[in-house]
mmCIF file of all heavy atoms, coordinates in Angstrom:
data_MODEL
# 
_entry.id   MODEL 
# 
loop_
_atom_site.group_PDB 
_atom_site.id 
_atom_site.type_symbol 
_atom_site.label_atom_id 
_atom_site.label_alt_id 
_atom_site.label_comp_id 
_atom_site.label_asym_id 
_atom_site.label_entity_id 
_atom_site.label_seq_id 
_atom_site.pdbx_PDB_ins_code 
_atom_site.Cartn_x 
_atom_site.Cartn_y 
_atom_site.Cartn_z 
_atom_site.occupancy 
_atom_site.B_iso_or_equiv 
_atom_site.pdbx_formal_charge 
_atom_site.auth_seq_id 
_atom_site.auth_comp_id 
_atom_site.auth_asym_id 
_atom_site.auth_atom_id 
_atom_site.pdbx_PDB_model_num 
ATOM 1   N N   . VAL A 1 1  ? 35.868 21.655 9.076  1.00 0.00 ? 1  VAL A N   1 
ATOM 2   C CA  . VAL A 1 1  ? 37.082 21.276 9.776  1.00 0.00 ? 1  VAL A CA  1 
ATOM 3   C C   . VAL A 1 1  ? 37.213 19.778 9.942  1.00 0.00 ? 1  VAL A C   1 
ATOM 4   O O   . VAL A 1 1  ? 38.281 19.230 9.857  1.00 0.00 ? 1  VAL A O   1 
ATOM 5   C CB  . VAL A 1 1  ? 37.108 21.957 11.157 1.00 0.00 ? 1  VAL A CB  1 
ATOM 6   C CG1 . VAL A 1 1  ? 38.254 21.441 11.977 1.00 0.00 ? 1  VAL A CG1 1 
ATOM 7   C CG2 . VAL A 1 1  ? 37.242 23.445 10.976 1.00 0.00 ? 1  VAL A CG2 1 
ATOM 8   N N   . ARG A 1 2  ? 36.091 19.069 10.179 1.00 0.00 ? 2  ARG A N   1 
ATOM 9   C CA  . ARG A 1 2  ? 36.212 17.644 10.391 1.00 0.00 ? 2  ARG A CA  1 
ATOM 10  C C   . ARG A 1 2  ? 34.956 16.929 9.941  1.00 0.00 ? 2  ARG A C   1 
ATOM 11  O O   . ARG A 1 2  ? 33.865 17.457 10.013 1.00 0.00 ? 2  ARG A O   1 
ATOM 12  C CB  . ARG A 1 2  ? 36.462 17.345 11.866 1.00 0.00 ? 2  ARG A CB  1 
ATOM 13  C CG  . ARG A 1 2  ? 35.424 17.940 12.796 1.00 0.00 ? 2  ARG A CG  1 
ATOM 14  C CD  . ARG A 1 2  ? 35.758 17.595 14.227 1.00 0.00 ? 2  ARG A CD  1 
ATOM 15  N NE  . ARG A 1 2  ? 34.716 18.156 15.096 1.00 0.00 ? 2  ARG A NE  1 
ATOM 16  C CZ  . ARG A 1 2  ? 34.678 17.939 16.395 1.00 0.00 ? 2  ARG A CZ  1 
ATOM 17  N NH1 . ARG A 1 2  ? 35.573 17.175 16.961 1.00 0.00 ? 2  ARG A NH1 1 
ATOM 18  N NH2 . ARG A 1 2  ? 33.723 18.472 17.129 1.00 0.00 ? 2  ARG A NH2 1 
ATOM 19  N N   . GLU A 1 3  ? 35.118 15.709 9.514  1.00 0.00 ? 3  GLU A N   1 
ATOM 20  C CA  . GLU A 1 3  ? 33.995 14.899 9.112  1.00 0.00 ? 3  GLU A CA  1 
ATOM 21  C C   . GLU A 1 3  ? 33.624 13.913 10.212 1.00 0.00 ? 3  GLU A C   1 
ATOM 22  O O   . GLU A 1 3  ? 32.526 13.387 10.236 1.00 0.00 ? 3  GLU A O   1 
ATOM 23  C CB  . GLU A 1 3  ? 34.319 14.127 7.830  1.00 0.00 ? 3  GLU A CB  1 
ATOM 24  C CG  . GLU A 1 3  ? 34.570 15.018 6.640  1.00 0.00 ? 3  GLU A CG  1 
ATOM 25  C CD  . GLU A 1 3  ? 34.959 14.218 5.429  1.00 0.00 ? 3  GLU A CD  1 
ATOM 26  O OE1 . GLU A 1 3  ? 35.528 13.128 5.597  1.00 0.00 ? 3  GLU A OE1 1 
ATOM 27  O OE2 . GLU A 1 3  ? 34.680 14.687 4.337  1.00 0.00 ? 3  GLU A OE2 1 
ATOM 28  N N   . GLU A 1 4  ? 34.516 13.669 11.118 1.00 0.00 ? 4  GLU A N   1 
ATOM 29  C CA  . GLU A 1 4  ? 34.248 12.783 12.239 1.00 0.00 ? 4  GLU A CA  1 
ATOM 30  C C   . GLU A 1 4  ? 35.111 13.243 13.405 1.00 0.00 ? 4  GLU A C   1 
ATOM 31  O O   . GLU A 1 4  ? 35.941 14.117 13.275 1.00 0.00 ? 4  GLU A O   1 
ATOM 32  C CB  . GLU A 1 4  ? 34.587 11.337 11.867 1.00 0.00 ? 4  GLU A CB  1 
ATOM 33  C CG  . GLU A 1 4  ? 36.036 11.163 11.387 1.00 0.00 ? 4  GLU A CG  1 
ATOM 34  C CD  . GLU A 1 4  ? 36.289 9.756  10.881 1.00 0.00 ? 4  GLU A CD  1 
ATOM 35  O OE1 . GLU A 1 4  ? 35.362 8.949  10.917 1.00 0.00 ? 4  GLU A OE1 1 
ATOM 36  O OE2 . GLU A 1 4  ? 37.414 9.479  10.468 1.00 0.00 ? 4  GLU A OE2 1 
ATOM 37  N N   . ALA A 1 5  ? 34.904 12.647 14.564 1.00 0.00 ? 5  ALA A N   1 
ATOM 38  C CA  . ALA A 1 5  ? 35.665 13.044 15.737 1.00 0.00 ? 5  ALA A CA  1 
ATOM 39  C C   . ALA A 1 5  ? 37.148 12.833 15.491 1.00 0.00 ? 5  ALA A C   1 
ATOM 40  O O   . ALA A 1 5  ? 37.559 11.788 15.005 1.00 0.00 ? 5  ALA A O   1 
ATOM 41  C CB  . ALA A 1 5  ? 35.220 12.221 16.949 1.00 0.00 ? 5  ALA A CB  1 
ATOM 42  N N   . PRO A 1 6  ? 37.994 13.818 15.819 1.00 0.00 ? 6  PRO A N   1 
ATOM 43  C CA  . PRO A 1 6  ? 39.414 13.702 15.557 1.00 0.00 ? 6  PRO A CA  1 
ATOM 44  C C   . PRO A 1 6  ? 40.059 12.672 16.464 1.00 0.00 ? 6  PRO A C   1 
ATOM 45  O O   . PRO A 1 6  ? 39.650 12.457 17.592 1.00 0.00 ? 6  PRO A O   1 
ATOM 46  C CB  . PRO A 1 6  ? 39.939 15.103 15.861 1.00 0.00 ? 6  PRO A CB  1 
ATOM 47  C CG  . PRO A 1 6  ? 38.972 15.669 16.813 1.00 0.00 ? 6  PRO A CG  1 
ATOM 48  C CD  . PRO A 1 6  ? 37.646 15.089 16.464 1.00 0.00 ? 6  PRO A CD  1 
ATOM 49  N N   . SER A 1 7  ? 41.068 12.052 15.982 1.00 0.00 ? 7  SER A N   1 
ATOM 50  C CA  . SER A 1 7  ? 41.831 11.102 16.768 1.00 0.00 ? 7  SER A CA  1 
ATOM 51  C C   . SER A 1 7  ? 43.281 11.517 16.776 1.00 0.00 ? 7  SER A C   1 
ATOM 52  O O   . SER A 1 7  ? 43.693 12.423 16.076 1.00 0.00 ? 7  SER A O   1 
ATOM 53  C CB  . SER A 1 7  ? 41.703 9.685  16.178 1.00 0.00 ? 7  SER A CB  1 
ATOM 54  O OG  . SER A 1 7  ? 42.280 9.657  14.892 1.00 0.00 ? 7  SER A OG  1 
ATOM 55  N N   . SER A 1 8  ? 44.072 10.824 17.591 1.00 0.00 ? 8  SER A N   1 
ATOM 56  C CA  . SER A 1 8  ? 45.483 11.164 17.682 1.00 0.00 ? 8  SER A CA  1 
ATOM 57  C C   . SER A 1 8  ? 46.205 10.896 16.383 1.00 0.00 ? 8  SER A C   1 
ATOM 58  O O   . SER A 1 8  ? 47.252 11.457 16.112 1.00 0.00 ? 8  SER A O   1 
ATOM 59  C CB  . SER A 1 8  ? 46.125 10.356 18.821 1.00 0.00 ? 8  SER A CB  1 
ATOM 60  O OG  . SER A 1 8  ? 45.962 8.961  18.584 1.00 0.00 ? 8  SER A OG  1 
ATOM 61  N N   . GLU A 1 9  ? 45.602 10.047 15.526 1.00 0.00 ? 9  GLU A N   1 
ATOM 62  C CA  . GLU A 1 9  ? 46.262 9.717  14.276 1.00 0.00 ? 9  GLU A CA  1 
ATOM 63  C C   . GLU A 1 9  ? 46.100 10.811 13.231 1.00 0.00 ? 9  GLU A C   1 
ATOM 64  O O   . GLU A 1 9  ? 46.750 10.792 12.193 1.00 0.00 ? 9  GLU A O   1 
ATOM 65  C CB  . GLU A 1 9  ? 45.683 8.407  13.727 1.00 0.00 ? 9  GLU A CB  1 
ATOM 66  C CG  . GLU A 1 9  ? 45.913 7.235  14.643 1.00 0.00 ? 9  GLU A CG  1 
ATOM 67  C CD  . GLU A 1 9  ? 45.259 5.960  14.112 1.00 0.00 ? 9  GLU A CD  1 
ATOM 68  O OE1 . GLU A 1 9  ? 44.596 6.049  13.073 1.00 0.00 ? 9  GLU A OE1 1 
ATOM 69  O OE2 . GLU A 1 9  ? 45.440 4.909  14.730 1.00 0.00 ? 9  GLU A OE2 1 
ATOM 70  N N   . SER A 1 10 ? 45.202 11.762 13.504 1.00 0.00 ? 10 SER A N   1 
ATOM 71  C CA  . SER A 1 10 ? 44.947 12.799 12.521 1.00 0.00 ? 10 SER A CA  1 
ATOM 72  C C   . SER A 1 10 ? 45.928 13.942 12.598 1.00 0.00 ? 10 SER A C   1 
ATOM 73  O O   . SER A 1 10 ? 45.864 14.879 11.822 1.00 0.00 ? 10 SER A O   1 
ATOM 74  C CB  . SER A 1 10 ? 43.514 13.346 12.716 1.00 0.00 ? 10 SER A CB  1 
ATOM 75  O OG  . SER A 1 10 ? 43.422 14.021 13.931 1.00 0.00 ? 10 SER A OG  1 
ATOM 76  N N   . HIS A 1 11 ? 46.840 13.883 13.568 1.00 0.00 ? 11 HIS A N   1 
ATOM 77  C CA  . HIS A 1 11 ? 47.808 14.974 13.718 1.00 0.00 ? 11 HIS A CA  1 
ATOM 78  C C   . HIS A 1 11 ? 48.662 15.095 12.461 1.00 0.00 ? 11 HIS A C   1 
ATOM 79  O O   . HIS A 1 11 ? 49.201 14.136 11.955 1.00 0.00 ? 11 HIS A O   1 
ATOM 80  C CB  . HIS A 1 11 ? 48.695 14.712 14.938 1.00 0.00 ? 11 HIS A CB  1 
ATOM 81  C CG  . HIS A 1 11 ? 49.684 15.814 15.166 1.00 0.00 ? 11 HIS A CG  1 
ATOM 82  N ND1 . HIS A 1 11 ? 49.313 17.044 15.644 1.00 0.00 ? 11 HIS A ND1 1 
ATOM 83  C CD2 . HIS A 1 11 ? 51.031 15.871 14.961 1.00 0.00 ? 11 HIS A CD2 1 
ATOM 84  C CE1 . HIS A 1 11 ? 50.378 17.826 15.761 1.00 0.00 ? 11 HIS A CE1 1 
ATOM 85  N NE2 . HIS A 1 11 ? 51.429 17.127 15.340 1.00 0.00 ? 11 HIS A NE2 1 
ATOM 86  N N   . GLY A 1 12 ? 48.768 16.302 11.963 1.00 0.00 ? 12 GLY A N   1 
ATOM 87  C CA  . GLY A 1 12 ? 49.571 16.541 10.779 1.00 0.00 ? 12 GLY A CA  1 
ATOM 88  C C   . GLY A 1 12 ? 48.797 16.409 9.490  1.00 0.00 ? 12 GLY A C   1 
ATOM 89  O O   . GLY A 1 12 ? 49.322 16.691 8.426  1.00 0.00 ? 12 GLY A O   1 
ATOM 90  N N   . LYS A 1 13 ? 47.544 15.954 9.573  1.00 0.00 ? 13 LYS A N   1 
ATOM 91  C CA  . LYS A 1 13 ? 46.726 15.819 8.380  1.00 0.00 ? 13 LYS A CA  1 
ATOM 92  C C   . LYS A 1 13 ? 45.727 16.972 8.335  1.00 0.00 ? 13 LYS A C   1 
ATOM 93  O O   . LYS A 1 13 ? 45.641 17.787 9.233  1.00 0.00 ? 13 LYS A O   1 
ATOM 94  C CB  . LYS A 1 13 ? 45.988 14.482 8.397  1.00 0.00 ? 13 LYS A CB  1 
ATOM 95  C CG  . LYS A 1 13 ? 46.914 13.267 8.426  1.00 0.00 ? 13 LYS A CG  1 
ATOM 96  C CD  . LYS A 1 13 ? 46.090 11.995 8.449  1.00 0.00 ? 13 LYS A CD  1 
ATOM 97  C CE  . LYS A 1 13 ? 46.986 10.759 8.495  1.00 0.00 ? 13 LYS A CE  1 
ATOM 98  N NZ  . LYS A 1 13 ? 46.201 9.505  8.528  1.00 0.00 ? 13 LYS A NZ  1 
ATOM 99  N N   . GLN A 1 14 ? 44.938 16.978 7.269  1.00 0.00 ? 14 GLN A N   1 
ATOM 100 C CA  . GLN A 1 14 ? 43.897 17.989 7.172  1.00 0.00 ? 14 GLN A CA  1 
ATOM 101 C C   . GLN A 1 14 ? 42.784 17.651 8.158  1.00 0.00 ? 14 GLN A C   1 
ATOM 102 O O   . GLN A 1 14 ? 42.442 16.500 8.362  1.00 0.00 ? 14 GLN A O   1 
ATOM 103 C CB  . GLN A 1 14 ? 43.346 18.049 5.756  1.00 0.00 ? 14 GLN A CB  1 
ATOM 104 C CG  . GLN A 1 14 ? 44.261 18.767 4.783  1.00 0.00 ? 14 GLN A CG  1 
ATOM 105 C CD  . GLN A 1 14 ? 43.576 18.997 3.456  1.00 0.00 ? 14 GLN A CD  1 
ATOM 106 O OE1 . GLN A 1 14 ? 42.789 18.178 3.013  1.00 0.00 ? 14 GLN A OE1 1 
ATOM 107 N NE2 . GLN A 1 14 ? 43.878 20.102 2.824  1.00 0.00 ? 14 GLN A NE2 1 
ATOM 108 N N   . GLY A 1 15 ? 42.172 18.685 8.711  1.00 0.00 ? 15 GLY A N   1 
ATOM 109 C CA  . GLY A 1 15 ? 41.086 18.483 9.644  1.00 0.00 ? 15 GLY A CA  1 
ATOM 110 C C   . GLY A 1 15 ? 41.588 18.138 11.030 1.00 0.00 ? 15 GLY A C   1 
ATOM 111 O O   . GLY A 1 15 ? 42.777 18.115 11.310 1.00 0.00 ? 15 GLY A O   1 
ATOM 112 N N   . GLY A 1 16 ? 40.650 17.866 11.931 1.00 0.00 ? 16 GLY A N   1 
ATOM 113 C CA  . GLY A 1 16 ? 41.028 17.511 13.288 1.00 0.00 ? 16 GLY A CA  1 
ATOM 114 C C   . GLY A 1 16 ? 41.428 18.720 14.104 1.00 0.00 ? 16 GLY A C   1 
ATOM 115 O O   . GLY A 1 16 ? 41.220 19.872 13.733 1.00 0.00 ? 16 GLY A O   1 
ATOM 116 N N   . TRP A 1 17 ? 42.061 18.458 15.245 1.00 0.00 ? 17 TRP A N   1 
ATOM 117 C CA  . TRP A 1 17 ? 42.364 19.517 16.195 1.00 0.00 ? 17 TRP A CA  1 
ATOM 118 C C   . TRP A 1 17 ? 43.488 20.433 15.733 1.00 0.00 ? 17 TRP A C   1 
ATOM 119 O O   . TRP A 1 17 ? 43.724 21.474 16.358 1.00 0.00 ? 17 TRP A O   1 
ATOM 120 C CB  . TRP A 1 17 ? 42.724 18.895 17.542 1.00 0.00 ? 17 TRP A CB  1 
ATOM 121 C CG  . TRP A 1 17 ? 41.525 18.303 18.192 1.00 0.00 ? 17 TRP A CG  1 
ATOM 122 C CD1 . TRP A 1 17 ? 41.222 16.991 18.326 1.00 0.00 ? 17 TRP A CD1 1 
ATOM 123 C CD2 . TRP A 1 17 ? 40.439 19.018 18.773 1.00 0.00 ? 17 TRP A CD2 1 
ATOM 124 N NE1 . TRP A 1 17 ? 40.019 16.832 18.959 1.00 0.00 ? 17 TRP A NE1 1 
ATOM 125 C CE2 . TRP A 1 17 ? 39.510 18.068 19.250 1.00 0.00 ? 17 TRP A CE2 1 
ATOM 126 C CE3 . TRP A 1 17 ? 40.151 20.380 18.934 1.00 0.00 ? 17 TRP A CE3 1 
ATOM 127 C CZ2 . TRP A 1 17 ? 38.329 18.424 19.872 1.00 0.00 ? 17 TRP A CZ2 1 
ATOM 128 C CZ3 . TRP A 1 17 ? 38.960 20.728 19.564 1.00 0.00 ? 17 TRP A CZ3 1 
ATOM 129 C CH2 . TRP A 1 17 ? 38.074 19.755 20.020 1.00 0.00 ? 17 TRP A CH2 1 
ATOM 130 N N   . VAL A 1 18 ? 44.195 20.092 14.660 1.00 0.00 ? 18 VAL A N   1 
ATOM 131 C CA  . VAL A 1 18 ? 45.225 21.001 14.165 1.00 0.00 ? 18 VAL A CA  1 
ATOM 132 C C   . VAL A 1 18 ? 44.614 22.322 13.700 1.00 0.00 ? 18 VAL A C   1 
ATOM 133 O O   . VAL A 1 18 ? 45.267 23.363 13.672 1.00 0.00 ? 18 VAL A O   1 
ATOM 134 C CB  . VAL A 1 18 ? 46.026 20.334 13.022 1.00 0.00 ? 18 VAL A CB  1 
ATOM 135 C CG1 . VAL A 1 18 ? 45.157 20.162 11.782 1.00 0.00 ? 18 VAL A CG1 1 
ATOM 136 C CG2 . VAL A 1 18 ? 47.273 21.143 12.700 1.00 0.00 ? 18 VAL A CG2 1 
ATOM 137 N N   . THR A 1 19 ? 43.334 22.285 13.343 1.00 0.00 ? 19 THR A N   1 
ATOM 138 C CA  . THR A 1 19 ? 42.659 23.500 12.883 1.00 0.00 ? 19 THR A CA  1 
ATOM 139 C C   . THR A 1 19 ? 42.131 24.351 14.031 1.00 0.00 ? 19 THR A C   1 
ATOM 140 O O   . THR A 1 19 ? 41.756 25.509 13.828 1.00 0.00 ? 19 THR A O   1 
ATOM 141 C CB  . THR A 1 19 ? 41.470 23.134 11.982 1.00 0.00 ? 19 THR A CB  1 
ATOM 142 O OG1 . THR A 1 19 ? 40.521 22.377 12.759 1.00 0.00 ? 19 THR A OG1 1 
ATOM 143 C CG2 . THR A 1 19 ? 41.917 22.311 10.803 1.00 0.00 ? 19 THR A CG2 1 
ATOM 144 N N   . PHE A 1 20 ? 42.091 23.780 15.231 1.00 0.00 ? 20 PHE A N   1 
ATOM 145 C CA  . PHE A 1 20 ? 41.430 24.448 16.351 1.00 0.00 ? 20 PHE A CA  1 
ATOM 146 C C   . PHE A 1 20 ? 41.998 25.832 16.658 1.00 0.00 ? 20 PHE A C   1 
ATOM 147 O O   . PHE A 1 20 ? 41.229 26.792 16.850 1.00 0.00 ? 20 PHE A O   1 
ATOM 148 C CB  . PHE A 1 20 ? 41.498 23.554 17.589 1.00 0.00 ? 20 PHE A CB  1 
ATOM 149 C CG  . PHE A 1 20 ? 40.746 24.092 18.763 1.00 0.00 ? 20 PHE A CG  1 
ATOM 150 C CD1 . PHE A 1 20 ? 39.365 24.021 18.813 1.00 0.00 ? 20 PHE A CD1 1 
ATOM 151 C CD2 . PHE A 1 20 ? 41.413 24.685 19.829 1.00 0.00 ? 20 PHE A CD2 1 
ATOM 152 C CE1 . PHE A 1 20 ? 38.663 24.507 19.892 1.00 0.00 ? 20 PHE A CE1 1 
ATOM 153 C CE2 . PHE A 1 20 ? 40.721 25.192 20.908 1.00 0.00 ? 20 PHE A CE2 1 
ATOM 154 C CZ  . PHE A 1 20 ? 39.343 25.086 20.945 1.00 0.00 ? 20 PHE A CZ  1 
ATOM 155 N N   . PRO A 1 21 ? 43.320 26.030 16.742 1.00 0.00 ? 21 PRO A N   1 
ATOM 156 C CA  . PRO A 1 21 ? 43.838 27.377 17.048 1.00 0.00 ? 21 PRO A CA  1 
ATOM 157 C C   . PRO A 1 21 ? 43.416 28.428 16.025 1.00 0.00 ? 21 PRO A C   1 
ATOM 158 O O   . PRO A 1 21 ? 43.153 29.586 16.389 1.00 0.00 ? 21 PRO A O   1 
ATOM 159 C CB  . PRO A 1 21 ? 45.366 27.186 17.044 1.00 0.00 ? 21 PRO A CB  1 
ATOM 160 C CG  . PRO A 1 21 ? 45.567 25.732 17.286 1.00 0.00 ? 21 PRO A CG  1 
ATOM 161 C CD  . PRO A 1 21 ? 44.419 25.049 16.625 1.00 0.00 ? 21 PRO A CD  1 
ATOM 162 N N   . PHE A 1 22 ? 43.338 28.031 14.767 1.00 0.00 ? 22 PHE A N   1 
ATOM 163 C CA  . PHE A 1 22 ? 42.956 28.994 13.728 1.00 0.00 ? 22 PHE A CA  1 
ATOM 164 C C   . PHE A 1 22 ? 41.475 29.368 13.854 1.00 0.00 ? 22 PHE A C   1 
ATOM 165 O O   . PHE A 1 22 ? 41.105 30.536 13.719 1.00 0.00 ? 22 PHE A O   1 
ATOM 166 C CB  . PHE A 1 22 ? 43.231 28.400 12.344 1.00 0.00 ? 22 PHE A CB  1 
ATOM 167 C CG  . PHE A 1 22 ? 44.675 28.046 12.116 1.00 0.00 ? 22 PHE A CG  1 
ATOM 168 C CD1 . PHE A 1 22 ? 45.103 26.724 12.212 1.00 0.00 ? 22 PHE A CD1 1 
ATOM 169 C CD2 . PHE A 1 22 ? 45.611 29.014 11.830 1.00 0.00 ? 22 PHE A CD2 1 
ATOM 170 C CE1 . PHE A 1 22 ? 46.426 26.388 12.013 1.00 0.00 ? 22 PHE A CE1 1 
ATOM 171 C CE2 . PHE A 1 22 ? 46.939 28.695 11.633 1.00 0.00 ? 22 PHE A CE2 1 
ATOM 172 C CZ  . PHE A 1 22 ? 47.350 27.372 11.736 1.00 0.00 ? 22 PHE A CZ  1 
ATOM 173 N N   . ILE A 1 23 ? 40.644 28.350 14.118 1.00 0.00 ? 23 ILE A N   1 
ATOM 174 C CA  . ILE A 1 23 ? 39.214 28.611 14.223 1.00 0.00 ? 23 ILE A CA  1 
ATOM 175 C C   . ILE A 1 23 ? 38.906 29.454 15.455 1.00 0.00 ? 23 ILE A C   1 
ATOM 176 O O   . ILE A 1 23 ? 38.187 30.452 15.389 1.00 0.00 ? 23 ILE A O   1 
ATOM 177 C CB  . ILE A 1 23 ? 38.432 27.286 14.283 1.00 0.00 ? 23 ILE A CB  1 
ATOM 178 C CG1 . ILE A 1 23 ? 38.641 26.490 12.994 1.00 0.00 ? 23 ILE A CG1 1 
ATOM 179 C CG2 . ILE A 1 23 ? 36.945 27.553 14.511 1.00 0.00 ? 23 ILE A CG2 1 
ATOM 180 C CD1 . ILE A 1 23 ? 38.212 27.221 11.752 1.00 0.00 ? 23 ILE A CD1 1 
ATOM 181 N N   . ILE A 1 24 ? 39.468 29.071 16.600 1.00 0.00 ? 24 ILE A N   1 
ATOM 182 C CA  . ILE A 1 24 ? 39.154 29.792 17.833 1.00 0.00 ? 24 ILE A CA  1 
ATOM 183 C C   . ILE A 1 24 ? 39.730 31.213 17.796 1.00 0.00 ? 24 ILE A C   1 
ATOM 184 O O   . ILE A 1 24 ? 39.115 32.156 18.305 1.00 0.00 ? 24 ILE A O   1 
ATOM 185 C CB  . ILE A 1 24 ? 39.666 28.997 19.061 1.00 0.00 ? 24 ILE A CB  1 
ATOM 186 C CG1 . ILE A 1 24 ? 38.941 29.466 20.320 1.00 0.00 ? 24 ILE A CG1 1 
ATOM 187 C CG2 . ILE A 1 24 ? 41.166 29.149 19.240 1.00 0.00 ? 24 ILE A CG2 1 
ATOM 188 C CD1 . ILE A 1 24 ? 39.189 28.595 21.529 1.00 0.00 ? 24 ILE A CD1 1 
ATOM 189 N N   . GLY A 1 25 ? 40.879 31.389 17.164 1.00 0.00 ? 25 GLY A N   1 
ATOM 190 C CA  . GLY A 1 25 ? 41.446 32.725 17.013 1.00 0.00 ? 25 GLY A CA  1 
ATOM 191 C C   . GLY A 1 25 ? 40.590 33.598 16.122 1.00 0.00 ? 25 GLY A C   1 
ATOM 192 O O   . GLY A 1 25 ? 40.359 34.779 16.416 1.00 0.00 ? 25 GLY A O   1 
ATOM 193 N N   . CYS A 1 26 ? 40.116 33.017 15.036 1.00 0.00 ? 26 CYS A N   1 
ATOM 194 C CA  . CYS A 1 26 ? 39.259 33.763 14.105 1.00 0.00 ? 26 CYS A CA  1 
ATOM 195 C C   . CYS A 1 26 ? 37.937 34.143 14.762 1.00 0.00 ? 26 CYS A C   1 
ATOM 196 O O   . CYS A 1 26 ? 37.478 35.281 14.651 1.00 0.00 ? 26 CYS A O   1 
ATOM 197 C CB  . CYS A 1 26 ? 39.019 32.926 12.850 1.00 0.00 ? 26 CYS A CB  1 
ATOM 198 S SG  . CYS A 1 26 ? 38.021 33.746 11.603 1.00 0.00 ? 26 CYS A SG  1 
ATOM 199 N N   . ILE A 1 27 ? 37.315 33.187 15.476 1.00 0.00 ? 27 ILE A N   1 
ATOM 200 C CA  . ILE A 1 27 ? 36.049 33.461 16.154 1.00 0.00 ? 27 ILE A CA  1 
ATOM 201 C C   . ILE A 1 27 ? 36.208 34.582 17.172 1.00 0.00 ? 27 ILE A C   1 
ATOM 202 O O   . ILE A 1 27 ? 35.405 35.516 17.239 1.00 0.00 ? 27 ILE A O   1 
ATOM 203 C CB  . ILE A 1 27 ? 35.524 32.176 16.840 1.00 0.00 ? 27 ILE A CB  1 
ATOM 204 C CG1 . ILE A 1 27 ? 34.998 31.182 15.805 1.00 0.00 ? 27 ILE A CG1 1 
ATOM 205 C CG2 . ILE A 1 27 ? 34.412 32.512 17.833 1.00 0.00 ? 27 ILE A CG2 1 
ATOM 206 C CD1 . ILE A 1 27 ? 34.547 29.868 16.394 1.00 0.00 ? 27 ILE A CD1 1 
ATOM 207 N N   . GLY A 1 28 ? 37.278 34.502 17.978 1.00 0.00 ? 28 GLY A N   1 
ATOM 208 C CA  . GLY A 1 28 ? 37.496 35.524 19.002 1.00 0.00 ? 28 GLY A CA  1 
ATOM 209 C C   . GLY A 1 28 ? 37.687 36.902 18.414 1.00 0.00 ? 28 GLY A C   1 
ATOM 210 O O   . GLY A 1 28 ? 37.076 37.877 18.871 1.00 0.00 ? 28 GLY A O   1 
# 
């Protein structure tokens, strides 16, 4: 999901917190 800590500039790009809902939904 990420190679480094996400920043606000990563919104809309690959990786970062945009992936979080998909990962947490899948895990649950």
